Amino acid sequence: MTDRVLSSNRLRGALLRHKRALAIGALVLALVFLAGAQFFEPSEPEPVGGPPMVRRLTEEQYRASIADAFAPDVPIVGRFERPVRAEGMIAVGTGQAGMSPFAIEQYDASAQTIASTVLGERRAQFLKCGPKNPQVFDPNCARSFLTQKGRLLFRRALSDEEADKYVDLARKAGRQLGNFYQGLELSLYTMLVSPEFLFRVERMAPAADGAHPQLDPYSKASRLSFFLTNSAPDDELLRAAESGELDSRAGVDRQVSRLMASTRFEGAVRAFFADMMQFDRFGDLSKDPEIYPAYNSDLAQDAQEQTLRTVIEHLITDEGDYRDLFTTRNTFLTRNLGIVYRTPVPQRGEWVPVTFSPSANRAGIQSHVSFLALHSHPGRTSPTLRGYAVRQVFLCQDVPDPPANVNFTAIEATAHKPNVTARDRIFQHATEPSCAGCHKVMDPLGLTLENYDGLGTFRRHENGALIDTSGSLDGTDFDSTNGLASALHDHPETPRCVAERMYKSAVGRDITWKERYYLDWLISGFEDDGYRIPALMRRIATSANFFTVTRPAPAGTLAFGASGGKSQGGKL
């Protein structure tokens, strides 16, 4: 009996110890779960991708491609037509842009000049072979030059058939012109007007049954290079594509690290933010010289450069939090800008770092001349344009266009009357039923920015009246430009917007409906990384979804959800 009691006690003790061990284990697991962001990172959702794209080169990409293939000082004489903007970005519009007769003429003129420069006056710099007698055709030299340059211009190796075609064209032209070099020049010109150069044509790789279709290696290289350098793939990246390196995660990681460490990475970030900030519109911007005598083309260039220098210094050099761009007082000025900002800049023609005091009311890039002047009228401010721009550019929120029959007479007539401010002028539109809905979401932001005139100079009075700068942003009230800066910094759509735009810019299209989970994963990772833009770009470039594509729909069918999907939230 005693033995049975002892045995029973031992069993109960063992069970108790086991329960305690389970409880301790559960507690440890709970603590780890609560600190989950510290130990675990949610894996990327199943890749779904979108359709492969055909994207026209932007002006910057065209110029960079010619510089990389030949030299930065090779002249480009053609003018570039106005780019198409879609989803708020030229980078997306390049996938929807056609080609006008004007564009074809300009590409033709540029191609002729480039080819004649490379194989004419500067032939010795770019061509290291050739016959002693120009009337003799040298097939080996022609093939070597054309395949080498064609590889860089077409962003892939030429097929044997293509190489034969361009060599044969050089042979026939050289025979007719009586000069080997002129025949080679014509063949190069033909490459420069080819759609294979002017458009980024993405192609799918053969995929096994059940596997996710992906871009082929050369298309992967192009997508990586234009996203991370805003230029065509260099020789090393093309080599990685040819060797199969880009088919592995480790290979992609190596190339992403290399490209992001290069000096060209900064150019890609500058291009993205210039696109996002709509700086291409400066070409059409005008200001009344009597009202704003300080405005000229030099100031316009300096204003854009100021914002881009601020972006690069904060996001790349300092690896700062993206949201702090809306509150930072650190920037750079030239003497021209110093006049507008009323900040002395002693050095003429030089950029100097400046930190505005808290009382200067210059917190964030939304207080820069580049934003304020761009979203104003030639002779006055516009709270509506500025409020619309804040919503659209920084928060990715859609605001409908105004009705076609809006009457602006009352606003124009009272623009410069004594004791009349912009708040007084837009009262009529804000209370008109057909206008009130949109004005309620735009004007409270723009009215706070009324402390800046139509050029961006700070002021406290308009037409002799004290400016009321009270406003609000989605439930957050403020009464100063510094308050607006904090509200933009803290708004949940601020980081979501830039992440969404960054991905759209990278793939050249809108987000598909099935990609919404990928976008949520991307934004969650952006938050975990402290809202660092380089980390966001690396996350995109190394994700499986970045290279995944969908198969084209069968002819005669309607494919829903191929584009047009929006991220959850953020749209008005």
Protein backbone atom coordinates (compact mmCIF):
# COMPACT_ATOMS: atom_id res chain seq x y z
CA MET A 1 0.00 0.00 0.00
CA THR A 2 2.82 2.38 0.89
CA ASP A 3 4.55 1.59 -2.40
CA ARG A 4 1.36 2.41 -4.30
CA VAL A 5 1.04 5.79 -2.50
CA LEU A 6 4.68 6.64 -3.24
CA SER A 7 4.25 5.64 -6.87
CA SER A 8 1.09 7.76 -7.12
CA ASN A 9 2.87 10.74 -5.52
CA ARG A 10 5.78 10.40 -7.95
CA LEU A 11 3.33 10.34 -10.88
CA ARG A 12 1.52 13.45 -9.63
CA GLY A 13 4.88 15.19 -9.15
CA ALA A 14 5.99 14.33 -12.66
CA LEU A 15 2.70 15.59 -14.09
CA LEU A 16 3.03 18.81 -12.09
CA ARG A 17 6.56 19.38 -13.34
CA HIS A 18 5.38 18.69 -16.90
CA LYS A 19 2.55 21.23 -16.53
CA ARG A 20 4.97 23.81 -15.17
CA ALA A 21 7.31 23.22 -18.11
CA LEU A 22 4.41 23.64 -20.53
CA ALA A 23 3.35 26.84 -18.79
CA ILE A 24 6.87 28.26 -18.94
CA GLY A 25 7.13 27.30 -22.60
CA ALA A 26 3.80 28.96 -23.35
CA LEU A 27 4.93 32.09 -21.52
CA VAL A 28 8.16 32.22 -23.53
CA LEU A 29 6.24 31.77 -26.77
CA ALA A 30 3.84 34.52 -25.74
CA LEU A 31 6.70 36.90 -24.99
CA VAL A 32 8.33 36.10 -28.31
CA PHE A 33 5.02 36.64 -30.10
CA LEU A 34 4.54 40.02 -28.44
CA ALA A 35 7.97 41.02 -29.69
CA GLY A 36 7.30 39.40 -33.04
CA ALA A 37 8.58 42.28 -35.14
CA GLN A 38 11.91 41.90 -33.38
CA PHE A 39 12.33 38.17 -34.03
CA PHE A 40 10.24 37.33 -37.05
CA GLU A 41 9.41 39.09 -40.30
CA PRO A 42 6.28 38.01 -42.16
CA SER A 43 7.24 36.28 -45.39
CA GLU A 44 6.35 37.76 -48.74
CA PRO A 45 2.89 36.71 -49.96
CA GLU A 46 2.60 34.33 -52.85
CA PRO A 47 3.80 36.31 -55.92
CA VAL A 48 1.11 37.20 -58.45
CA GLY A 49 2.70 39.98 -60.53
CA GLY A 50 1.11 41.66 -63.50
CA PRO A 51 1.40 41.84 -67.27
CA PRO A 52 4.83 42.34 -68.88
CA MET A 53 5.15 45.93 -70.07
CA VAL A 54 6.31 47.86 -73.10
CA ARG A 55 7.56 51.22 -71.80
CA ARG A 56 8.89 54.15 -73.75
CA LEU A 57 12.19 55.61 -72.54
CA THR A 58 11.88 58.91 -70.72
CA GLU A 59 14.09 61.80 -71.78
CA GLU A 60 16.45 61.18 -68.86
CA GLN A 61 16.65 57.47 -69.65
CA TYR A 62 17.31 58.14 -73.34
CA ARG A 63 20.12 60.56 -72.53
CA ALA A 64 21.61 58.24 -69.92
CA SER A 65 21.50 55.28 -72.32
CA ILE A 66 23.37 57.22 -75.01
CA ALA A 67 25.90 58.42 -72.44
CA ASP A 68 26.49 54.86 -71.22
CA ALA A 69 26.75 53.38 -74.71
CA PHE A 70 29.05 56.12 -76.05
CA ALA A 71 29.94 59.17 -73.96
CA PRO A 72 28.10 61.84 -71.91
CA ASP A 73 29.05 64.61 -74.34
CA VAL A 74 27.66 62.96 -77.49
CA PRO A 75 25.13 65.56 -78.70
CA ILE A 76 21.38 64.87 -78.70
CA VAL A 77 19.71 67.52 -80.85
CA GLY A 78 16.10 66.32 -80.81
CA ARG A 79 13.45 67.79 -78.56
CA PHE A 80 11.33 65.52 -76.41
CA GLU A 81 7.56 65.86 -76.40
CA ARG A 82 5.53 66.26 -73.24
CA PRO A 83 5.46 62.99 -71.28
CA VAL A 84 2.25 61.18 -70.43
CA ARG A 85 1.37 61.02 -66.73
CA ALA A 86 -0.75 58.15 -65.36
CA GLU A 87 -1.49 57.19 -61.77
CA GLY A 88 0.27 60.44 -60.87
CA MET A 89 3.58 59.28 -62.39
CA ILE A 90 5.35 59.66 -65.73
CA ALA A 91 7.00 56.32 -64.91
CA VAL A 92 3.56 54.71 -65.26
CA GLY A 93 2.61 56.83 -68.25
CA THR A 94 5.56 55.45 -70.22
CA GLY A 95 3.61 52.20 -70.48
CA GLN A 96 0.66 54.01 -72.04
CA ALA A 97 2.43 56.52 -74.28
CA GLY A 98 2.18 56.27 -78.03
CA MET A 99 4.47 58.02 -80.49
CA SER A 100 3.45 61.10 -82.45
CA PRO A 101 4.87 62.16 -85.84
CA PHE A 102 6.71 64.95 -84.01
CA ALA A 103 8.40 62.42 -81.71
CA ILE A 104 9.46 60.27 -84.66
CA GLU A 105 11.01 63.30 -86.37
CA GLN A 106 12.92 64.22 -83.23
CA TYR A 107 14.19 60.67 -82.65
CA ASP A 108 15.29 60.61 -86.28
CA ALA A 109 17.19 63.88 -85.93
CA SER A 110 18.88 62.70 -82.74
CA ALA A 111 19.84 59.34 -84.26
CA GLN A 112 21.42 61.00 -87.29
CA THR A 113 23.49 63.33 -85.11
CA ILE A 114 24.59 60.59 -82.71
CA ALA A 115 25.59 58.20 -85.50
CA SER A 116 27.47 60.87 -87.45
CA THR A 117 29.32 61.97 -84.31
CA VAL A 118 30.28 58.45 -83.26
CA LEU A 119 31.40 57.24 -86.69
CA GLY A 120 32.37 60.57 -88.19
CA GLU A 121 34.27 63.30 -86.39
CA ARG A 122 34.95 61.14 -83.29
CA ARG A 123 35.43 57.78 -84.99
CA ALA A 124 38.86 57.19 -83.48
CA GLN A 125 37.33 57.39 -79.99
CA PHE A 126 34.60 54.81 -80.55
CA LEU A 127 35.83 52.51 -83.32
CA LYS A 128 39.07 50.58 -82.75
CA CYS A 129 39.06 48.65 -86.05
CA GLY A 130 38.42 49.23 -89.72
CA PRO A 131 39.99 48.84 -93.18
CA LYS A 132 42.88 51.01 -94.34
CA ASN A 133 40.95 51.56 -97.56
CA PRO A 134 37.46 52.94 -96.69
CA GLN A 135 36.07 51.46 -99.89
CA VAL A 136 36.76 47.93 -98.64
CA PHE A 137 34.14 46.36 -96.39
CA ASP A 138 35.46 44.80 -93.17
CA PRO A 139 32.82 42.29 -91.99
CA ASN A 140 34.64 41.37 -88.76
CA CYS A 141 34.98 45.00 -87.69
CA ALA A 142 31.36 45.74 -88.58
CA ARG A 143 30.05 42.74 -86.64
CA SER A 144 32.22 43.47 -83.61
CA PHE A 145 31.12 47.11 -83.39
CA LEU A 146 27.43 46.52 -84.10
CA THR A 147 27.02 43.58 -81.72
CA GLN A 148 28.84 45.42 -78.94
CA LYS A 149 26.83 48.63 -79.28
CA GLY A 150 23.63 46.77 -80.08
CA ARG A 151 23.95 44.83 -76.83
CA LEU A 152 24.05 48.09 -74.86
CA LEU A 153 21.36 49.88 -76.88
CA PHE A 154 18.91 46.97 -77.02
CA ARG A 155 19.77 45.95 -73.44
CA ARG A 156 20.32 42.36 -74.58
CA ALA A 157 22.56 40.38 -76.89
CA LEU A 158 21.65 40.52 -80.55
CA SER A 159 20.51 37.25 -82.07
CA ASP A 160 22.58 35.85 -84.94
CA GLU A 161 19.79 36.81 -87.32
CA GLU A 162 19.75 40.41 -86.03
CA ALA A 163 23.53 40.69 -86.20
CA ASP A 164 23.50 39.40 -89.78
CA LYS A 165 20.79 41.93 -90.70
CA TYR A 166 22.69 44.95 -89.35
CA VAL A 167 26.02 43.80 -90.83
CA ASP A 168 24.35 43.22 -94.20
CA LEU A 169 22.77 46.69 -94.02
CA ALA A 170 26.21 48.20 -93.35
CA ARG A 171 27.65 46.24 -96.29
CA LYS A 172 24.97 47.35 -98.76
CA ALA A 173 25.03 50.97 -97.62
CA GLY A 174 28.83 51.04 -97.72
CA ARG A 175 28.79 49.68 -101.25
CA GLN A 176 26.32 52.34 -102.43
CA LEU A 177 28.05 55.18 -100.62
CA GLY A 178 31.53 53.95 -101.45
CA ASN A 179 32.63 54.18 -97.81
CA PHE A 180 32.77 51.50 -95.12
CA TYR A 181 32.36 53.99 -92.27
CA GLN A 182 29.32 55.68 -93.76
CA GLY A 183 27.70 52.29 -94.24
CA LEU A 184 28.40 51.46 -90.59
CA GLU A 185 26.98 54.84 -89.61
CA LEU A 186 23.70 54.07 -91.39
CA SER A 187 23.44 50.72 -89.63
CA LEU A 188 24.01 52.38 -86.23
CA TYR A 189 21.41 55.02 -87.08
CA THR A 190 18.93 52.21 -87.80
CA MET A 191 19.54 50.76 -84.34
CA LEU A 192 18.96 54.16 -82.73
CA VAL A 193 15.49 54.51 -84.28
CA SER A 194 14.53 50.89 -83.59
CA PRO A 195 11.65 50.20 -81.17
CA GLU A 196 14.03 47.79 -79.43
CA PHE A 197 16.00 50.83 -78.27
CA LEU A 198 13.25 53.43 -77.84
CA PHE A 199 10.98 51.08 -75.89
CA ARG A 200 11.71 48.79 -72.97
CA VAL A 201 10.11 45.59 -74.25
CA GLU A 202 9.64 43.04 -71.47
CA ARG A 203 9.54 39.36 -72.40
CA MET A 204 8.49 36.27 -70.46
CA ALA A 205 10.79 33.37 -69.76
CA PRO A 206 9.59 29.84 -70.50
CA ALA A 207 7.96 28.46 -67.36
CA ALA A 208 7.32 24.92 -66.22
CA ASP A 209 3.74 23.84 -65.64
CA GLY A 210 2.48 25.15 -62.33
CA ALA A 211 5.38 27.59 -61.85
CA HIS A 212 4.86 31.33 -61.63
CA PRO A 213 5.76 32.93 -64.99
CA GLN A 214 8.69 35.33 -64.74
CA LEU A 215 10.45 37.85 -66.92
CA ASP A 216 13.34 36.55 -68.97
CA PRO A 217 16.86 37.36 -67.68
CA TYR A 218 17.39 40.41 -69.92
CA SER A 219 14.00 41.85 -68.94
CA LYS A 220 14.90 41.29 -65.29
CA ALA A 221 18.17 43.15 -65.84
CA SER A 222 16.39 46.08 -67.47
CA ARG A 223 13.72 46.31 -64.78
CA LEU A 224 16.40 46.24 -62.09
CA SER A 225 18.64 48.77 -63.78
CA PHE A 226 16.04 51.37 -64.67
CA PHE A 227 14.54 51.12 -61.18
CA LEU A 228 17.84 51.44 -59.31
CA THR A 229 19.89 53.63 -61.70
CA ASN A 230 17.34 55.16 -64.14
CA SER A 231 19.51 53.94 -66.99
CA ALA A 232 20.09 50.84 -69.10
CA PRO A 233 21.87 47.77 -67.71
CA ASP A 234 25.65 48.02 -67.64
CA ASP A 235 27.97 45.31 -68.91
CA GLU A 236 28.17 43.56 -65.53
CA LEU A 237 24.39 43.33 -65.18
CA LEU A 238 24.03 42.03 -68.73
CA ARG A 239 26.69 39.45 -67.93
CA ALA A 240 24.70 38.39 -64.86
CA ALA A 241 21.60 38.00 -67.05
CA GLU A 242 23.49 35.90 -69.60
CA SER A 243 25.08 33.64 -66.98
CA GLY A 244 21.79 32.86 -65.21
CA GLU A 245 22.79 34.71 -62.06
CA LEU A 246 19.52 36.64 -62.01
CA ASP A 247 17.56 33.39 -61.75
CA SER A 248 18.61 32.99 -58.11
CA ARG A 249 17.77 35.11 -55.09
CA ALA A 250 21.46 35.32 -54.13
CA GLY A 251 22.37 36.53 -57.61
CA VAL A 252 19.70 39.21 -57.56
CA ASP A 253 20.81 40.29 -54.08
CA ARG A 254 24.38 40.73 -55.29
CA GLN A 255 23.36 42.86 -58.24
CA VAL A 256 20.94 44.97 -56.18
CA SER A 257 23.67 45.66 -53.61
CA ARG A 258 26.10 46.60 -56.38
CA LEU A 259 23.69 48.94 -58.12
CA MET A 260 22.59 50.62 -54.89
CA ALA A 261 26.24 51.18 -53.94
CA SER A 262 26.97 52.86 -57.27
CA THR A 263 26.90 56.61 -57.86
CA ARG A 264 23.98 56.12 -60.24
CA PHE A 265 21.60 55.05 -57.46
CA GLU A 266 21.26 58.65 -56.34
CA GLY A 267 20.12 59.55 -59.86
CA ALA A 268 17.31 57.00 -59.66
CA VAL A 269 16.07 58.46 -56.37
CA ARG A 270 16.25 61.98 -57.79
CA ALA A 271 14.31 60.90 -60.88
CA PHE A 272 11.58 59.27 -58.76
CA PHE A 273 11.02 62.32 -56.56
CA ALA A 274 11.19 64.76 -59.49
CA ASP A 275 8.47 62.64 -61.11
CA MET A 276 6.41 62.39 -57.93
CA MET A 277 6.70 66.17 -57.33
CA GLN A 278 5.65 66.85 -60.96
CA PHE A 279 8.71 68.95 -61.73
CA ASP A 280 8.18 68.43 -65.46
CA ARG A 281 5.44 71.07 -65.17
CA PHE A 282 8.04 73.78 -64.56
CA GLY A 283 8.48 73.96 -68.32
CA ASP A 284 5.03 75.56 -68.56
CA LEU A 285 5.20 77.64 -65.37
CA SER A 286 5.05 81.42 -65.69
CA LYS A 287 4.89 84.23 -63.16
CA ASP A 288 3.84 87.86 -63.56
CA PRO A 289 7.17 89.75 -63.62
CA GLU A 290 5.65 92.85 -62.04
CA ILE A 291 4.34 90.91 -59.06
CA TYR A 292 7.21 88.40 -58.77
CA PRO A 293 10.32 90.04 -60.28
CA ALA A 294 12.63 87.47 -58.65
CA TYR A 295 11.22 84.63 -60.75
CA ASN A 296 13.16 83.49 -63.81
CA SER A 297 14.36 80.24 -65.39
CA ASP A 298 17.45 80.13 -63.16
CA LEU A 299 15.33 80.41 -60.04
CA ALA A 300 13.02 77.68 -61.33
CA GLN A 301 15.99 75.35 -61.80
CA ASP A 302 17.39 76.23 -58.39
CA ALA A 303 14.02 75.61 -56.73
CA GLN A 304 13.83 72.08 -58.12
CA GLU A 305 17.45 71.39 -57.24
CA GLN A 306 16.93 72.63 -53.68
CA THR A 307 14.19 70.09 -53.05
CA LEU A 308 16.08 67.24 -54.71
CA ARG A 309 19.26 68.03 -52.74
CA THR A 310 17.21 68.04 -49.55
CA VAL A 311 15.66 64.68 -50.48
CA ILE A 312 19.02 63.06 -51.26
CA GLU A 313 20.75 64.45 -48.17
CA HIS A 314 17.98 63.30 -45.85
CA LEU A 315 17.00 59.98 -47.44
CA ILE A 316 20.28 58.70 -48.91
CA THR A 317 23.19 60.41 -47.14
CA ASP A 318 21.59 60.42 -43.69
CA GLU A 319 19.27 57.42 -44.30
CA GLY A 320 16.48 59.32 -42.59
CA ASP A 321 12.83 58.56 -41.98
CA TYR A 322 10.82 59.47 -45.10
CA ARG A 323 8.11 61.16 -42.99
CA ASP A 324 10.68 63.63 -41.66
CA LEU A 325 10.85 65.22 -45.13
CA PHE A 326 7.66 67.04 -44.13
CA THR A 327 9.12 68.49 -40.93
CA THR A 328 12.83 68.92 -41.67
CA ARG A 329 14.24 72.45 -41.55
CA ASN A 330 17.53 71.42 -43.12
CA THR A 331 17.99 72.36 -46.77
CA PHE A 332 20.33 74.02 -49.28
CA LEU A 333 20.10 77.48 -50.84
CA THR A 334 21.72 79.57 -53.55
CA ARG A 335 21.85 83.35 -53.56
CA ASN A 336 18.88 83.41 -55.97
CA LEU A 337 16.81 81.33 -53.56
CA GLY A 338 18.05 83.33 -50.59
CA ILE A 339 16.21 86.37 -51.98
CA VAL A 340 12.89 84.49 -51.99
CA TYR A 341 13.50 82.87 -48.61
CA ARG A 342 14.83 86.16 -47.18
CA THR A 343 17.91 84.33 -46.02
CA PRO A 344 21.31 85.85 -46.86
CA VAL A 345 23.56 83.60 -48.96
CA PRO A 346 27.02 85.20 -49.27
CA GLN A 347 28.53 82.87 -51.90
CA ARG A 348 27.40 83.60 -55.44
CA GLY A 349 26.72 80.56 -57.61
CA GLU A 350 27.24 78.04 -54.80
CA TRP A 351 24.95 75.82 -52.76
CA VAL A 352 25.18 76.30 -49.01
CA PRO A 353 23.53 74.19 -46.28
CA VAL A 354 20.90 76.07 -44.27
CA THR A 355 18.89 75.15 -41.18
CA PHE A 356 15.80 77.31 -40.71
CA SER A 357 14.81 78.32 -37.20
CA PRO A 358 11.46 77.03 -35.82
CA SER A 359 10.05 80.56 -36.12
CA ALA A 360 10.89 80.78 -39.82
CA ASN A 361 7.83 78.69 -40.80
CA ARG A 362 9.90 76.59 -43.21
CA ALA A 363 9.30 73.04 -42.08
CA GLY A 364 9.22 70.37 -44.77
CA ILE A 365 9.47 70.16 -48.55
CA GLN A 366 5.87 71.37 -48.86
CA SER A 367 7.20 74.78 -47.73
CA HIS A 368 9.77 74.87 -50.55
CA VAL A 369 9.49 77.27 -53.47
CA SER A 370 9.40 74.28 -55.84
CA PHE A 371 6.05 73.17 -54.40
CA LEU A 372 4.51 76.54 -53.58
CA ALA A 373 5.33 78.29 -56.89
CA LEU A 374 4.37 75.29 -59.01
CA HIS A 375 0.90 75.08 -57.48
CA SER A 376 -0.05 78.73 -57.78
CA HIS A 377 -1.38 81.01 -60.49
CA PRO A 378 0.89 83.40 -62.45
CA GLY A 379 -0.23 86.40 -60.42
CA ARG A 380 -1.57 85.04 -57.14
CA THR A 381 -1.77 82.06 -54.85
CA SER A 382 -4.35 79.30 -54.99
CA PRO A 383 -5.37 77.52 -51.78
CA THR A 384 -7.34 75.07 -53.90
CA LEU A 385 -4.41 74.16 -56.17
CA ARG A 386 -2.09 73.76 -53.21
CA GLY A 387 -4.58 71.75 -51.19
CA TYR A 388 -5.26 69.55 -54.21
CA ALA A 389 -1.51 69.02 -54.69
CA VAL A 390 -0.99 67.99 -51.05
CA ARG A 391 -3.76 65.43 -51.37
CA GLN A 392 -2.67 64.13 -54.74
CA VAL A 393 1.14 64.26 -54.53
CA PHE A 394 1.84 63.36 -50.91
CA LEU A 395 -1.22 61.29 -49.91
CA CYS A 396 -2.20 59.66 -53.23
CA GLN A 397 -5.79 60.80 -52.74
CA ASP A 398 -7.98 61.44 -55.77
CA VAL A 399 -9.97 64.66 -55.89
CA PRO A 400 -12.49 65.07 -58.74
CA ASP A 401 -11.92 67.79 -61.33
CA PRO A 402 -14.08 70.94 -60.94
CA PRO A 403 -17.34 71.25 -62.89
CA ALA A 404 -16.95 72.69 -66.38
CA ASN A 405 -19.20 75.68 -65.62
CA VAL A 406 -17.36 77.05 -62.57
CA ASN A 407 -17.33 80.87 -62.57
CA PHE A 408 -14.01 82.33 -61.41
CA THR A 409 -14.99 85.97 -62.08
CA ALA A 410 -15.62 86.83 -58.46
CA ILE A 411 -12.25 85.45 -57.38
CA GLU A 412 -10.33 87.29 -60.11
CA ALA A 413 -12.17 90.56 -59.48
CA THR A 414 -11.30 90.61 -55.78
CA ALA A 415 -7.74 89.24 -56.06
CA HIS A 416 -6.06 92.52 -55.12
CA LYS A 417 -8.80 94.45 -53.32
CA PRO A 418 -7.90 95.92 -49.91
CA ASN A 419 -8.59 93.75 -46.87
CA VAL A 420 -9.64 90.77 -49.02
CA THR A 421 -7.83 87.48 -48.47
CA ALA A 422 -7.96 84.17 -50.29
CA ARG A 423 -10.23 82.80 -47.56
CA ASP A 424 -12.74 85.51 -48.40
CA ARG A 425 -12.46 84.89 -52.14
CA ILE A 426 -13.04 81.16 -52.07
CA PHE A 427 -15.96 81.35 -49.63
CA GLN A 428 -18.38 81.45 -52.57
CA HIS A 429 -17.01 78.22 -54.06
CA ALA A 430 -16.80 76.49 -50.71
CA THR A 431 -20.52 77.06 -50.12
CA GLU A 432 -21.72 76.27 -53.66
CA PRO A 433 -23.30 72.77 -53.48
CA SER A 434 -21.58 71.54 -56.66
CA CYS A 435 -18.18 72.66 -55.36
CA ALA A 436 -18.39 72.31 -51.59
CA GLY A 437 -17.57 68.60 -51.37
CA CYS A 438 -14.16 68.92 -53.00
CA HIS A 439 -13.30 72.30 -51.51
CA LYS A 440 -13.83 70.91 -48.01
CA VAL A 441 -10.93 68.48 -48.51
CA MET A 442 -8.63 70.85 -50.41
CA ASP A 443 -9.07 74.34 -49.00
CA PRO A 444 -8.28 73.68 -45.30
CA LEU A 445 -4.80 72.57 -46.42
CA GLY A 446 -4.23 75.30 -48.96
CA LEU A 447 -5.45 78.08 -46.69
CA THR A 448 -2.77 77.20 -44.15
CA LEU A 449 -0.22 77.61 -46.95
CA GLU A 450 -1.53 81.14 -47.64
CA ASN A 451 1.32 82.37 -45.47
CA TYR A 452 3.37 81.98 -48.69
CA ASP A 453 2.72 84.17 -51.71
CA GLY A 454 2.48 82.90 -55.28
CA LEU A 455 6.25 82.51 -55.50
CA GLY A 456 6.77 81.05 -52.03
CA THR A 457 7.93 84.05 -50.00
CA PHE A 458 6.61 84.06 -46.43
CA ARG A 459 4.09 86.74 -45.50
CA ARG A 460 1.60 87.45 -42.72
CA HIS A 461 -0.75 89.84 -44.53
CA GLU A 462 -2.55 89.88 -47.86
CA ASN A 463 -3.98 93.12 -49.24
CA GLY A 464 -3.46 94.63 -45.80
CA ALA A 465 -5.46 91.98 -43.94
CA LEU A 466 -4.01 89.47 -41.48
CA ILE A 467 -4.07 86.00 -43.00
CA ASP A 468 -6.06 83.37 -41.12
CA THR A 469 -4.01 80.17 -41.49
CA SER A 470 -6.24 77.80 -39.53
CA GLY A 471 -6.85 74.50 -41.26
CA SER A 472 -7.23 70.76 -40.85
CA LEU A 473 -6.20 67.46 -42.37
CA ASP A 474 -8.54 64.51 -41.92
CA GLY A 475 -9.50 65.36 -38.35
CA THR A 476 -6.25 67.00 -37.27
CA ASP A 477 -6.62 70.76 -36.73
CA PHE A 478 -3.77 73.27 -36.86
CA ASP A 479 -3.27 77.00 -37.20
CA SER A 480 0.21 77.25 -38.72
CA THR A 481 2.40 75.81 -41.44
CA ASN A 482 4.36 73.98 -38.75
CA GLY A 483 1.11 72.32 -37.67
CA LEU A 484 0.44 71.20 -41.23
CA ALA A 485 3.97 69.79 -41.37
CA SER A 486 3.35 67.66 -38.28
CA ALA A 487 -0.02 66.50 -39.60
CA LEU A 488 1.54 65.34 -42.88
CA HIS A 489 4.33 63.60 -40.98
CA ASP A 490 1.86 61.67 -38.82
CA HIS A 491 -0.76 60.90 -41.47
CA PRO A 492 -0.96 57.12 -42.08
CA GLU A 493 -1.32 57.62 -45.84
CA THR A 494 1.97 59.54 -46.16
CA PRO A 495 4.26 56.47 -46.07
CA ARG A 496 1.67 54.28 -47.80
CA CYS A 497 1.50 56.71 -50.70
CA VAL A 498 5.23 56.80 -51.38
CA ALA A 499 5.49 53.01 -51.12
CA GLU A 500 2.63 52.57 -53.57
CA ARG A 501 4.11 55.09 -55.99
CA MET A 502 7.55 53.50 -55.70
CA TYR A 503 6.23 50.08 -56.69
CA LYS A 504 4.13 51.47 -59.54
CA SER A 505 7.15 53.36 -60.81
CA ALA A 506 9.28 50.20 -60.62
CA VAL A 507 6.90 48.02 -62.66
CA GLY A 508 5.43 50.76 -64.85
CA ARG A 509 1.77 50.05 -64.19
CA ASP A 510 -1.03 50.24 -61.67
CA ILE A 511 -1.28 47.64 -58.94
CA THR A 512 -3.39 44.62 -59.78
CA TRP A 513 -6.21 43.59 -57.49
CA LYS A 514 -4.39 40.43 -56.41
CA GLU A 515 -1.27 42.45 -55.50
CA ARG A 516 -3.01 44.22 -52.61
CA TYR A 517 -1.59 41.67 -50.15
CA TYR A 518 1.88 42.22 -51.56
CA LEU A 519 1.47 45.98 -51.16
CA ASP A 520 0.36 45.56 -47.54
CA TRP A 521 3.46 43.41 -46.96
CA LEU A 522 5.61 46.05 -48.62
CA ILE A 523 4.22 48.85 -46.45
CA SER A 524 4.53 46.77 -43.29
CA GLY A 525 8.19 46.16 -44.11
CA PHE A 526 8.64 49.86 -44.85
CA GLU A 527 7.43 50.60 -41.33
CA ASP A 528 9.69 47.93 -39.81
CA ASP A 529 12.65 49.48 -41.64
CA GLY A 530 12.00 52.87 -40.08
CA TYR A 531 10.51 54.28 -43.29
CA ARG A 532 13.90 54.26 -45.01
CA ILE A 533 13.60 54.72 -48.78
CA PRO A 534 16.72 52.66 -49.70
CA ALA A 535 15.36 49.76 -47.64
CA LEU A 536 12.01 50.06 -49.42
CA MET A 537 13.69 50.02 -52.83
CA ARG A 538 15.80 47.01 -51.86
CA ARG A 539 12.70 45.19 -50.60
CA ILE A 540 10.94 45.79 -53.93
CA ALA A 541 13.94 44.86 -56.08
CA THR A 542 14.62 41.59 -54.23
CA SER A 543 11.00 40.48 -53.92
CA ALA A 544 9.69 37.56 -55.96
CA ASN A 545 6.70 39.63 -57.07
CA PHE A 546 8.97 42.18 -58.78
CA PHE A 547 9.88 39.71 -61.54
CA THR A 548 6.64 37.72 -61.63
CA VAL A 549 4.33 38.31 -64.59
CA THR A 550 0.94 37.06 -65.68
CA ARG A 551 0.27 35.28 -68.91
CA PRO A 552 -1.63 37.31 -71.52
CA ALA A 553 -5.35 36.62 -71.63
CA PRO A 554 -6.51 34.49 -74.59
CA ALA A 555 -7.58 36.50 -77.62
CA GLY A 556 -11.21 37.57 -77.52
CA THR A 557 -11.59 37.40 -73.73
CA LEU A 558 -12.03 40.16 -71.20
CA ALA A 559 -9.53 40.17 -68.35
CA PHE A 560 -10.76 41.91 -65.23
CA GLY A 561 -8.36 43.00 -62.49
CA ALA A 562 -5.32 43.31 -64.74
CA SER A 563 -4.93 46.86 -63.55
CA GLY A 564 -6.79 49.51 -61.69
CA GLY A 565 -6.60 47.91 -58.27
CA LYS A 566 -5.99 50.33 -55.38
CA SER A 567 -4.35 49.84 -52.07
CA GLN A 568 -6.69 49.62 -49.13
CA GLY A 569 -7.47 53.13 -48.00
CA GLY A 570 -6.00 56.39 -49.14
CA LYS A 571 -8.51 57.36 -51.81
CA LEU A 572 -11.20 59.98 -51.44
